[in-house]
Protein backbone atom coordinates (compact mmCIF):
# COMPACT_ATOMS: atom_id res chain seq x y z
CA MET A 1 -23.66 -23.88 16.66
CA LEU A 2 -23.49 -23.64 13.36
CA THR A 3 -21.68 -26.80 11.55
CA GLY A 4 -19.25 -26.20 8.16
CA PRO A 5 -18.91 -28.88 5.23
CA GLY A 6 -15.60 -30.66 5.61
CA THR A 7 -14.90 -31.69 8.62
CA GLY A 8 -18.42 -30.48 10.19
CA ARG A 9 -16.53 -29.73 13.56
CA PRO A 10 -14.80 -26.90 15.57
CA THR A 11 -10.95 -25.73 14.89
CA PRO A 12 -9.34 -26.76 18.39
CA SER A 13 -7.85 -22.70 19.42
CA SER A 14 -7.15 -21.23 22.28
CA HIS A 15 -9.78 -18.51 23.11
CA PRO A 16 -10.18 -16.15 26.25
CA GLN A 17 -13.52 -16.07 27.72
CA GLY A 18 -16.46 -15.21 26.39
CA THR A 19 -14.94 -16.97 22.91
CA SER A 20 -16.34 -20.19 21.14
CA LEU A 21 -13.74 -22.46 19.13
CA GLU A 22 -13.45 -21.37 15.37
CA GLU A 23 -15.28 -23.40 13.10
CA VAL A 24 -15.12 -23.71 8.98
CA LEU A 25 -18.27 -22.61 7.30
CA GLY A 26 -16.46 -23.19 4.21
CA ARG A 27 -12.86 -24.48 2.47
CA THR A 28 -11.39 -24.46 -0.71
CA PRO A 29 -7.60 -23.87 -2.00
CA ASP A 30 -8.25 -20.55 -2.70
CA TYR A 31 -9.94 -19.22 0.34
CA GLU A 32 -11.65 -20.21 3.89
CA VAL A 33 -14.04 -18.84 6.55
CA VAL A 34 -14.97 -19.18 9.88
CA ALA A 35 -16.42 -17.93 12.93
CA HIS A 36 -16.92 -18.37 16.17
CA LYS A 37 -19.04 -16.41 18.78
CA HIS A 38 -17.43 -13.70 21.04
CA ASN A 39 -19.66 -12.25 23.81
CA GLY A 40 -22.81 -12.33 22.32
CA TRP A 41 -21.13 -11.71 18.50
CA PHE A 42 -21.53 -13.91 15.27
CA VAL A 43 -17.78 -13.20 14.37
CA VAL A 44 -17.18 -14.28 10.86
CA THR A 45 -13.23 -14.35 9.12
CA VAL A 46 -12.33 -14.35 4.80
CA ARG A 47 -9.37 -16.05 4.12
CA GLY A 48 -7.50 -16.10 0.98
CA ARG A 49 -8.23 -15.46 -2.50
CA TYR A 50 -11.35 -13.44 -3.44
CA LEU A 51 -14.03 -15.77 -5.51
CA ASP A 52 -17.21 -15.01 -6.55
CA PRO A 53 -18.28 -17.85 -4.95
CA MET A 54 -17.74 -17.45 -1.18
CA ILE A 55 -20.37 -14.84 -1.58
CA GLU A 56 -22.59 -18.21 -1.66
CA VAL A 57 -21.25 -19.04 2.23
CA LEU A 58 -22.22 -16.06 3.64
CA ARG A 59 -25.77 -16.75 2.20
CA THR A 60 -26.18 -19.90 3.54
CA ARG A 61 -24.02 -20.58 6.38
CA VAL A 62 -24.36 -17.23 7.71
CA PHE A 63 -26.83 -14.38 6.81
CA LYS A 64 -29.19 -17.10 6.88
CA GLU A 65 -28.59 -19.31 9.81
CA SER A 66 -26.91 -16.50 12.02
CA LYS A 67 -29.61 -14.85 14.69
CA LEU A 68 -26.91 -12.87 16.44
CA SER A 69 -25.27 -9.27 15.04
CA LEU A 70 -22.20 -9.96 13.09
CA ALA A 71 -18.51 -8.53 12.95
CA ILE A 72 -16.86 -9.73 9.62
CA ASP A 73 -13.08 -9.42 8.74
CA LEU A 74 -11.99 -9.11 5.52
CA SER A 75 -8.33 -8.12 6.57
CA LYS A 76 -6.82 -11.20 5.67
CA LEU A 77 -8.75 -11.50 2.46
CA ALA A 78 -7.02 -10.29 -1.29
CA ASN A 79 -8.89 -8.28 -3.62
CA VAL A 80 -11.84 -8.16 -2.35
CA GLY A 81 -14.53 -7.73 -4.97
CA MET A 82 -17.52 -4.75 -5.85
CA PRO A 83 -20.21 -8.43 -5.33
CA LEU A 84 -18.61 -8.84 -1.76
CA ALA A 85 -19.21 -5.71 -1.17
CA ARG A 86 -22.80 -4.79 -2.49
CA GLU A 87 -23.81 -8.84 -0.20
CA ILE A 88 -22.46 -7.45 2.83
CA TYR A 89 -23.52 -4.23 2.93
CA PHE A 90 -27.20 -4.38 1.43
CA PHE A 91 -27.19 -7.50 4.07
CA SER A 92 -26.91 -4.97 6.78
CA GLN A 93 -29.63 -2.35 5.94
CA GLN A 94 -31.82 -5.69 5.56
CA LEU A 95 -30.69 -6.60 8.84
CA ARG A 96 -31.08 -2.82 10.60
CA GLN A 97 -34.61 -2.07 9.75
CA GLN A 98 -35.73 -5.64 10.34
CA GLY A 99 -34.91 -5.39 14.27
CA ASP A 100 -31.72 -4.89 17.00
CA ARG A 101 -29.30 -6.99 14.93
CA ARG A 102 -26.47 -5.69 13.91
CA VAL A 103 -23.52 -5.93 11.02
CA VAL A 104 -19.78 -4.14 11.20
CA LEU A 105 -16.55 -4.69 9.91
CA LEU A 106 -13.07 -5.23 11.64
CA ASN A 107 -10.01 -3.95 10.38
CA PRO A 108 -11.38 -3.51 6.69
CA PRO A 109 -9.24 -2.60 4.15
CA GLU A 110 -8.93 0.28 1.89
CA LYS A 111 -10.28 -1.25 -0.70
CA MET A 112 -13.87 -2.13 0.88
CA ARG A 113 -14.15 1.50 2.23
CA SER A 114 -13.71 2.59 -1.22
CA LEU A 115 -16.00 0.00 -2.53
CA LEU A 116 -18.60 0.77 0.06
CA GLY A 117 -18.33 4.23 -1.44
CA LEU A 118 -18.79 2.96 -4.80
CA ILE A 119 -21.87 1.09 -4.01
CA SER A 120 -23.78 5.14 -2.71
CA PRO A 121 -22.13 8.10 -0.85
CA SER A 122 -23.96 7.29 1.98
CA ALA A 123 -22.89 3.91 2.09
CA LYS A 124 -20.53 3.79 5.41
CA MET A 125 -20.78 0.71 7.88
CA ILE A 126 -19.66 1.02 11.47
CA THR A 127 -16.24 -0.57 11.65
CA PHE A 128 -13.87 -1.91 14.68
CA SER A 129 -10.14 -2.59 14.82
CA THR A 130 -10.61 -5.72 16.71
CA GLU A 131 -13.47 -7.95 18.46
CA ASN A 132 -12.22 -6.73 21.78
CA GLU A 133 -14.10 -3.80 20.84
CA LEU A 134 -16.92 -4.50 20.18
CA PRO A 135 -19.77 -3.69 22.77
CA ALA A 136 -22.01 -6.49 24.57
CA ASP A 137 -24.95 -4.08 24.08
CA VAL A 138 -25.86 -3.63 20.05
CA ARG A 139 -28.37 -0.98 21.15
CA THR A 140 -25.01 1.35 22.09
CA LEU A 141 -23.70 0.83 18.58
CA GLU A 142 -25.36 3.98 16.98
CA ASN A 143 -24.61 6.10 19.82
CA MET A 144 -20.58 4.72 19.37
CA ALA A 145 -20.24 5.19 15.88
CA GLU A 146 -21.57 8.69 15.61
CA ARG A 147 -19.26 9.79 19.00
CA MET A 148 -16.48 8.28 16.24
CA GLU A 149 -17.80 10.47 13.30
CA THR A 150 -17.60 13.27 15.06
CA GLU A 151 -14.54 12.95 16.31
CA CYS A 152 -12.68 11.27 13.65
CA VAL A 153 -14.26 14.72 11.52
CA ALA A 154 -12.16 16.58 14.46
CA ILE A 155 -9.20 14.83 13.97
CA ARG A 156 -8.63 14.96 10.40
CA LYS A 157 -8.96 18.70 10.15
CA SER A 158 -7.41 18.48 13.12
CA ILE A 159 -4.30 16.76 11.07
CA THR A 160 -4.98 19.12 8.48
CA THR A 161 -4.72 22.33 10.44
CA ASN A 162 -2.89 21.93 13.54
CA ALA A 163 1.05 22.22 13.14
CA LEU A 164 1.61 20.29 16.25
CA TRP A 165 -0.57 17.33 14.54
CA GLN A 166 1.38 17.31 11.44
CA PHE A 167 4.70 15.10 13.18
CA VAL A 168 5.77 12.58 11.21
CA ASP A 169 9.35 10.88 10.89
CA ARG A 170 11.31 9.41 7.97
CA GLU A 171 8.35 6.68 7.57
CA SER A 172 5.53 9.29 7.25
CA SER A 173 5.12 7.60 11.08
CA TRP A 174 2.80 9.60 13.46
CA LEU A 175 4.00 11.42 16.61
CA CYS A 176 1.24 11.76 18.90
CA PRO A 177 0.91 15.60 20.17
CA PHE A 178 -0.19 14.41 23.84
CA CYS A 179 2.27 12.00 24.59
CA ALA A 180 5.14 12.70 22.73
CA GLN A 181 5.24 8.72 20.97
CA ILE A 182 5.90 7.39 17.50
CA ILE A 183 2.94 5.85 16.55
CA GLU A 184 4.09 3.10 14.03
CA ASP A 185 1.02 1.70 12.26
CA VAL A 186 -0.50 5.56 11.36
CA LYS A 187 1.46 6.78 8.20
CA VAL A 188 0.30 10.07 7.22
CA VAL A 189 1.80 10.22 3.89
CA SER A 190 -0.10 13.23 2.74
CA ARG A 191 -2.31 15.95 5.10
CA VAL A 192 -4.32 16.71 1.68
CA SER A 193 -5.94 13.29 1.54
CA ILE A 194 -5.64 11.37 4.66
CA PRO A 195 -7.40 7.42 4.19
CA GLN A 196 -10.74 7.20 6.72
CA ALA A 197 -8.38 4.00 8.12
CA VAL A 198 -5.41 6.44 9.05
CA VAL A 199 -8.28 8.67 11.52
CA GLU A 200 -9.54 6.05 13.29
CA LYS A 201 -6.09 4.68 14.19
CA VAL A 202 -5.24 8.36 15.16
CA TYR A 203 -8.88 7.85 16.89
CA ARG A 204 -8.18 5.11 18.46
CA HIS A 205 -4.83 5.75 19.72
CA ILE A 206 -6.06 8.65 21.49
CA HIS A 207 -8.83 7.25 23.02
CA HIS A 208 -6.77 4.08 23.89
CA GLY A 209 -3.34 3.92 23.75
CA CYS A 210 -2.11 7.80 24.69
CA SER A 211 -1.49 7.91 28.58
CA VAL A 212 -2.01 11.15 28.59
CA TYR A 213 -4.78 12.58 26.78
CA ASN A 214 -7.58 13.84 28.45
CA PRO A 215 -10.45 14.21 26.40
CA VAL A 216 -11.73 17.06 29.24
CA THR A 217 -8.67 19.65 29.12
CA PRO A 218 -6.12 17.91 26.05
CA GLN A 219 -2.65 19.23 27.19
CA TYR A 220 0.22 19.10 24.36
CA GLN A 221 3.55 18.53 24.20
CA PRO A 222 5.49 21.62 23.62
CA VAL A 223 6.87 22.40 19.98
CA GLU A 224 10.11 22.15 21.50
CA ALA A 225 9.37 18.75 22.44
CA LEU A 226 7.95 17.28 19.44
CA GLU A 227 10.63 18.54 17.02
CA LYS A 228 12.90 16.86 19.49
CA LYS A 229 11.56 13.85 19.56
CA ILE A 230 11.00 13.18 15.51
CA HIS A 231 14.93 14.79 15.83
CA ALA A 232 15.77 11.81 17.98
CA VAL A 233 13.30 9.38 15.71
CA ASN A 234 14.86 9.90 12.82
CA GLU A 235 18.46 10.01 13.44
CA GLN A 236 17.83 6.59 15.36
CA LYS A 237 16.02 4.56 12.15
CA PHE A 238 18.57 6.31 10.05
CA ARG A 239 21.73 4.58 12.44
CA ALA A 240 19.60 1.62 12.06
CA SER A 241 18.85 1.08 8.29
CA SER A 242 23.01 2.02 8.01
CA ALA A 243 24.10 -0.68 10.17
CA HIS A 244 21.47 -3.30 9.62
CA ALA A 245 22.71 -2.48 5.62
CA GLU A 246 26.16 -2.60 6.01
CA LYS A 247 25.90 -5.79 8.75
CA LEU A 248 24.25 -7.56 5.89
CA GLU A 249 26.38 -6.69 2.73
CA SER A 250 29.86 -7.39 5.69
CA THR A 251 27.62 -10.85 6.48
CA VAL A 252 27.13 -12.05 2.40
CA LYS A 253 30.60 -11.09 1.85
CA GLN A 254 32.54 -12.88 4.61
CA LEU A 255 30.86 -16.24 4.79
CA GLN A 256 32.12 -18.75 2.93
CA ASP A 257 31.38 -22.10 4.23
CA LYS A 258 27.99 -23.45 2.24
CA ALA A 259 26.46 -24.45 5.43
CA GLN A 260 27.37 -21.73 7.02
CA PHE A 261 25.84 -19.59 4.30
CA ALA A 262 22.90 -20.58 3.78
CA GLU A 263 21.61 -20.76 7.29
CA SER A 264 22.98 -17.20 7.59
CA MET A 265 21.31 -16.14 4.69
CA GLU A 266 18.19 -17.45 5.80
CA GLN A 267 18.15 -15.22 9.06
CA GLY A 268 19.74 -12.36 6.56
CA LEU A 269 16.97 -12.82 4.05
CA ARG A 270 13.97 -12.61 6.84
CA VAL A 271 15.71 -9.06 8.30
CA ALA A 272 15.62 -8.25 4.31
CA VAL A 273 12.58 -8.41 3.46
CA ASP A 274 11.20 -7.67 6.78
CA ARG A 275 12.92 -4.40 6.42
CA GLN A 276 12.35 -3.70 2.59
CA ARG A 277 8.52 -4.19 3.03
CA ARG A 278 9.08 -1.04 5.70
CA LEU A 279 11.16 0.88 2.79
CA LEU A 280 8.15 0.38 0.45
CA PRO A 281 5.00 2.88 0.94
CA ALA A 282 2.43 -0.06 1.69
CA ARG A 283 -0.61 2.06 -0.64
CA PRO A 284 -0.77 4.62 -3.04
CA PRO A 285 -1.59 7.91 -1.60
CA GLU A 286 -5.10 9.22 -2.15
CA VAL A 287 -4.31 12.53 -4.61
CA GLN A 288 -6.76 15.28 -4.90
CA GLY A 289 -7.93 15.01 -8.79
CA CYS A 290 -6.36 11.50 -10.00
CA GLU A 291 -6.71 7.80 -8.49
CA ILE A 292 -3.34 6.04 -7.84
CA ALA A 293 -3.11 2.04 -8.33
CA LEU A 294 -0.29 0.25 -7.52
CA VAL A 295 0.91 -4.05 -8.17
CA TYR A 296 4.35 -4.72 -6.71
CA ARG A 297 5.58 -8.36 -6.65
CA PRO A 298 8.64 -9.32 -6.15
CA ALA A 299 10.92 -13.10 -8.01
CA GLN A 300 12.53 -13.84 -4.72
CA ARG A 301 12.07 -12.37 -1.42
CA VAL A 302 14.01 -9.49 -1.30
CA SER A 303 13.38 -7.69 -4.43
CA GLY A 304 15.23 -4.85 -7.22
CA ASP A 305 12.46 -3.10 -8.07
CA PHE A 306 11.54 -0.11 -6.20
CA TYR A 307 8.94 2.70 -6.07
CA ASP A 308 8.02 5.59 -4.07
CA PHE A 309 5.93 7.93 -3.24
CA MET A 310 6.85 12.04 -2.20
CA GLU A 311 4.96 15.07 -0.86
CA LEU A 312 7.14 18.05 -1.67
CA PRO A 313 6.29 20.96 0.94
CA ASP A 314 4.94 23.22 -2.23
CA GLY A 315 2.25 20.40 -2.76
CA ARG A 316 3.12 18.65 -5.48
CA MET A 317 3.31 14.54 -5.51
CA GLY A 318 6.45 13.05 -6.34
CA ILE A 319 6.65 9.45 -8.16
CA SER A 320 9.61 7.44 -8.45
CA ILE A 321 9.77 4.00 -9.62
CA GLY A 322 13.10 2.04 -10.83
CA ASP A 323 15.31 -0.87 -11.23
CA VAL A 324 18.50 -2.07 -9.91
CA ALA A 325 20.08 -4.89 -12.13
CA GLY A 326 20.27 -8.07 -10.42
CA HIS A 327 18.54 -10.04 -7.40
CA GLY A 328 19.05 -11.50 -3.96
CA ILE A 329 20.36 -9.35 -1.32
CA GLU A 330 23.17 -7.21 -3.33
CA ALA A 331 20.15 -5.31 -5.60
CA GLY A 332 17.85 -5.45 -2.35
CA ILE A 333 20.76 -3.59 -0.54
CA LEU A 334 21.19 -1.32 -3.45
CA MET A 335 17.50 -1.13 -4.32
CA GLY A 336 16.94 0.44 -0.42
CA MET A 337 19.85 2.41 -1.23
CA THR A 338 19.06 4.13 -4.45
CA LYS A 339 14.71 4.37 -3.39
CA LYS A 340 16.02 6.79 -0.98
CA VAL A 341 18.59 8.87 -2.41
CA ILE A 342 16.37 9.84 -5.32
CA ASN A 343 13.64 10.40 -2.22
CA ILE A 344 16.62 12.83 -0.07
CA ARG A 345 17.14 14.70 -3.56
CA ALA A 346 14.11 15.35 -4.91
CA LEU A 347 12.37 16.77 -1.96
CA ASP A 348 15.88 18.80 -1.57
CA LEU A 349 15.76 19.96 -4.81
CA GLY A 350 12.60 20.34 -5.96
CA ASP A 351 13.35 19.51 -9.78
CA PRO A 352 13.43 15.85 -10.99
CA VAL A 353 16.58 15.97 -13.57
CA ALA A 354 18.51 17.84 -11.26
CA ALA A 355 17.17 15.04 -8.65
CA MET A 356 19.00 12.51 -10.82
CA ARG A 357 22.40 14.19 -11.62
CA LYS A 358 22.85 14.10 -7.92
CA ALA A 359 21.24 10.79 -7.24
CA ASN A 360 23.59 9.46 -10.16
CA ALA A 361 26.76 11.08 -8.17
CA ASP A 362 25.78 9.91 -4.63
CA ILE A 363 25.45 6.11 -5.78
CA TYR A 364 27.76 6.12 -8.74
CA LYS A 365 31.11 5.07 -6.70
CA GLU A 366 28.68 2.65 -4.45
CA LEU A 367 28.28 0.37 -7.62
CA ASP A 368 30.98 -1.51 -10.17
CA ARG A 369 30.80 -1.30 -13.70
CA GLN A 370 28.40 -4.07 -14.19
CA THR A 371 25.31 -3.03 -11.94
CA PHE A 372 23.41 -0.52 -12.62
CA VAL A 373 20.10 1.42 -12.10
CA THR A 374 17.05 2.79 -14.03
CA ALA A 375 14.89 4.98 -12.78
CA PHE A 376 11.82 7.35 -13.56
CA LEU A 377 11.09 10.18 -11.50
CA ALA A 378 7.76 12.41 -11.81
CA PHE A 379 7.05 15.57 -9.83
CA TYR A 380 3.04 15.88 -10.81
CA ASP A 381 1.14 18.99 -9.64
CA PRO A 382 -2.87 18.75 -8.82
CA GLN A 383 -3.64 22.17 -9.11
CA THR A 384 -2.60 22.95 -12.72
CA ARG A 385 -2.11 19.18 -13.66
CA LEU A 386 1.39 20.04 -15.23
CA LEU A 387 3.48 16.32 -15.30
CA SER A 388 7.05 17.02 -14.95
CA TYR A 389 9.67 14.06 -15.20
CA ALA A 390 13.17 12.90 -16.27
CA ARG A 391 13.89 9.40 -17.17
CA ALA A 392 17.14 7.66 -16.23
CA GLY A 393 17.36 4.75 -18.60
CA HIS A 394 13.84 3.33 -17.48
CA ASN A 395 10.89 1.62 -19.59
CA PRO A 396 9.48 4.83 -20.77
CA PRO A 397 6.21 5.22 -19.02
CA LEU A 398 2.81 4.89 -21.17
CA LEU A 399 -0.27 8.15 -21.27
CA PHE A 400 -3.41 7.47 -22.95
CA ASN A 401 -6.32 9.01 -24.08
CA LYS A 402 -9.42 8.78 -25.68
CA LYS A 403 -9.82 12.13 -26.29
CA ARG A 404 -6.01 13.01 -27.13
CA GLU A 405 -4.45 12.74 -31.14
CA PRO A 406 -2.57 11.10 -30.72
CA ARG A 407 -4.19 8.91 -28.32
CA HIS A 408 -0.79 7.21 -26.60
CA ARG A 409 2.60 8.27 -26.22
CA LYS A 410 5.29 7.05 -24.63
CA PHE A 411 7.37 9.28 -21.97
CA ASP A 412 11.06 8.91 -23.41
CA ALA A 413 12.73 11.60 -22.53
CA SER A 414 16.77 10.65 -22.59
CA GLY A 415 18.78 9.91 -19.67
CA LEU A 416 21.22 7.59 -19.05
CA MET A 417 21.42 4.78 -16.53
CA LEU A 418 22.42 6.00 -12.85
CA GLY A 419 25.88 4.05 -12.18
CA MET A 420 27.07 4.21 -15.25
CA SER A 421 28.97 7.38 -16.12
CA LEU A 422 30.11 9.98 -13.81
CA GLY A 423 29.62 13.71 -13.86
CA ALA A 424 29.23 15.64 -17.53
CA VAL A 425 28.81 12.45 -19.52
CA PHE A 426 25.55 11.52 -17.48
CA ASP A 427 24.04 15.69 -17.01
CA ARG A 428 24.43 16.18 -20.42
CA ALA A 429 22.55 12.93 -21.23
CA ILE A 430 19.85 13.22 -19.24
CA ARG A 431 16.61 15.55 -20.56
CA GLY A 432 14.20 16.30 -19.11
CA GLU A 433 10.12 16.79 -19.77
CA ASN A 434 7.27 18.90 -19.26
CA VAL A 435 3.55 17.21 -19.78
CA GLN A 436 0.20 19.18 -19.22
CA LEU A 437 -2.15 15.98 -18.45
CA GLU A 438 -5.58 16.93 -18.77
CA SER A 439 -9.06 14.56 -17.41
CA GLY A 440 -9.60 11.04 -18.92
CA ASP A 441 -5.66 10.43 -18.77
CA VAL A 442 -4.12 7.08 -18.32
CA LEU A 443 -0.73 7.23 -17.08
CA PHE A 444 0.84 4.03 -16.59
CA PHE A 445 4.73 3.01 -15.18
CA PHE A 446 6.15 -0.26 -14.87
CA THR A 447 9.66 -2.26 -14.63
CA ASP A 448 10.69 -4.57 -17.12
CA GLY A 449 9.49 -7.23 -15.36
CA LEU A 450 6.12 -6.80 -16.94
CA GLU A 451 6.87 -6.36 -20.16
CA GLU A 452 9.70 -9.54 -20.18
CA ALA A 453 7.31 -12.01 -18.36
CA LYS A 454 7.62 -15.14 -20.66
CA ASN A 455 5.12 -18.31 -20.87
CA GLU A 456 5.13 -21.97 -21.65
CA LYS A 457 6.63 -20.97 -25.18
CA GLN A 458 9.06 -18.47 -24.16
CA GLN A 459 7.05 -15.93 -25.68
CA LEU A 460 7.21 -11.90 -23.64
CA PHE A 461 4.22 -10.34 -22.16
CA GLY A 462 5.42 -7.56 -24.00
CA LEU A 463 3.53 -3.54 -24.43
CA ASP A 464 1.44 -5.18 -27.38
CA ARG A 465 -0.89 -6.92 -24.34
CA VAL A 466 -1.12 -3.57 -22.14
CA THR A 467 -2.40 -0.77 -24.29
CA PRO A 468 -5.49 -2.32 -25.63
CA ILE A 469 -6.29 -2.91 -21.96
CA LEU A 470 -5.85 0.97 -21.66
CA GLU A 471 -7.99 1.19 -24.64
CA SER A 472 -10.76 -1.06 -23.45
CA GLU A 473 -10.50 0.14 -19.74
CA VAL A 474 -9.95 3.60 -19.93
CA ASP A 475 -13.50 4.99 -18.48
CA ARG A 476 -12.72 2.69 -15.11
CA PRO A 477 -11.32 3.50 -12.19
CA ALA A 478 -7.14 2.98 -11.86
CA SER A 479 -7.16 0.07 -9.64
CA PHE A 480 -9.27 -1.60 -11.92
CA ILE A 481 -7.62 -1.09 -15.03
CA LEU A 482 -4.36 -2.20 -13.08
CA GLY A 483 -6.08 -4.96 -11.88
CA ALA A 484 -6.72 -6.15 -15.66
CA VAL A 485 -3.23 -6.00 -16.30
CA SER A 486 -2.63 -8.25 -13.78
CA PHE A 487 -4.86 -10.99 -15.13
CA ALA A 488 -4.08 -10.45 -18.56
CA LEU A 489 -0.58 -11.21 -17.01
CA ASP A 490 -1.25 -14.69 -15.01
CA ARG A 491 -3.73 -15.73 -18.02
CA PHE A 492 -0.42 -15.18 -20.16
CA CYS A 493 2.22 -16.62 -17.73
CA GLY A 494 -0.17 -19.56 -16.87
CA GLN A 495 2.26 -21.46 -14.04
CA CYS A 496 5.54 -20.25 -16.09
CA PRO A 497 7.44 -19.65 -13.10
CA GLN A 498 8.13 -15.52 -12.38
CA GLU A 499 11.89 -14.92 -13.43
CA ASP A 500 12.14 -11.13 -12.64
CA ASP A 501 10.59 -8.69 -10.11
CA ILE A 502 7.30 -6.68 -11.75
CA THR A 503 5.90 -3.59 -10.57
CA ALA A 504 3.38 -1.16 -11.92
CA ILE A 505 1.26 2.09 -10.94
CA CYS A 506 -1.42 3.29 -13.06
CA VAL A 507 -2.48 7.25 -12.46
CA LYS A 508 -5.45 7.86 -14.25
CA ILE A 509 -7.22 12.11 -14.10
CA LEU A 510 -9.87 12.68 -12.69
């Protein structure tokens, strides 16, 4: 067994038969590399925040010393970097050429898949969901991978073209057409662009989780049964969401005793945080002809910021971003309500101005006169590259293109904040705008927490530090541009605490 720096000893833990104790190969305040043996495989887990020095740990402690096939788990690593992707990929190619050993990935993050695609269109690696799926005989890997790849192509086509595969609930969870069960961890946000990880989860459910699927004679559930199931699930989730919000709000208002309040508040926070994470999309969708990147940093455990991505029936994509005044549980409740109202009105009406007017009427009665919501709603047509938007008092998003004249512009059509005024006053104030986008455009949506972030001298980060980054990194992918802004923000703020929620979305038109 390999021994690592520091303790040099395995970490005591409980492992199933055929699995060795976990051993630390490298550890710093930012990351750790640990490993154990499992049924003839050397399973390496990298946790923490990506830094280049961890590559040297892999080279010297794993690639050089291990004599087994490798399964590498990066699912707990933040900000996977290109140097790491290249190192793992080229070492896997080297092993393939030398002999029977192989390198596979366990539940890789979507960014790792994207980086492999940037290395080469053919830079694919075999992936498994968990180490328990690893075959005892490594010689079967290629056949398994080919079979899975063939079936995943068929699954992707079915989700795209077969109506029986396209049932999803209000939270985008997929309904299996064979067993008629909602698969919560399979999120089909868009049928046009489906991440490979989603396709693989569908594959694993069908072959390992579905109780009725028969690959020889697959039997679909009737359309009526699938529709009935989706209706029942949506009703159940809606009732649960409403009941949770009402219960949480009632608890906050009624608790007076400080000790009871603190105890109940902590419990409510855990529920609210979990529920809020479910309300917001975990990652941006993949849309033809553009790249989308996202940063979401709550200042507290419950955030007043919200964002959403919507697939409209006519093929357009909707993007919303907004900010509820305040923090904590009350802001979190209003955030969830506002985000859902805008989502419903956007899908129903298909027009950003009309959707904002109806959303204002919906939530006006729920707000006191000291609480307001800023929001921005845009619809984008990938076929025509036309962007339509409405702005309800939100920070104007930025657009930059080095080929445009002028290079910079803002989406600053007029509009009052949601909840500020009811009826004709709000309706007259809000104005929409259509913008014809073109290749090379970089759009930057954000909440005021980014612009108003402070350093130790109480200086504001401001947009003057964002626009130079858009200019200098405009030729980079959207994720790189947004990463550069995040890095500049962290460097500017240093150790100062984050006072407000920060949300930013970068969209690049290819």
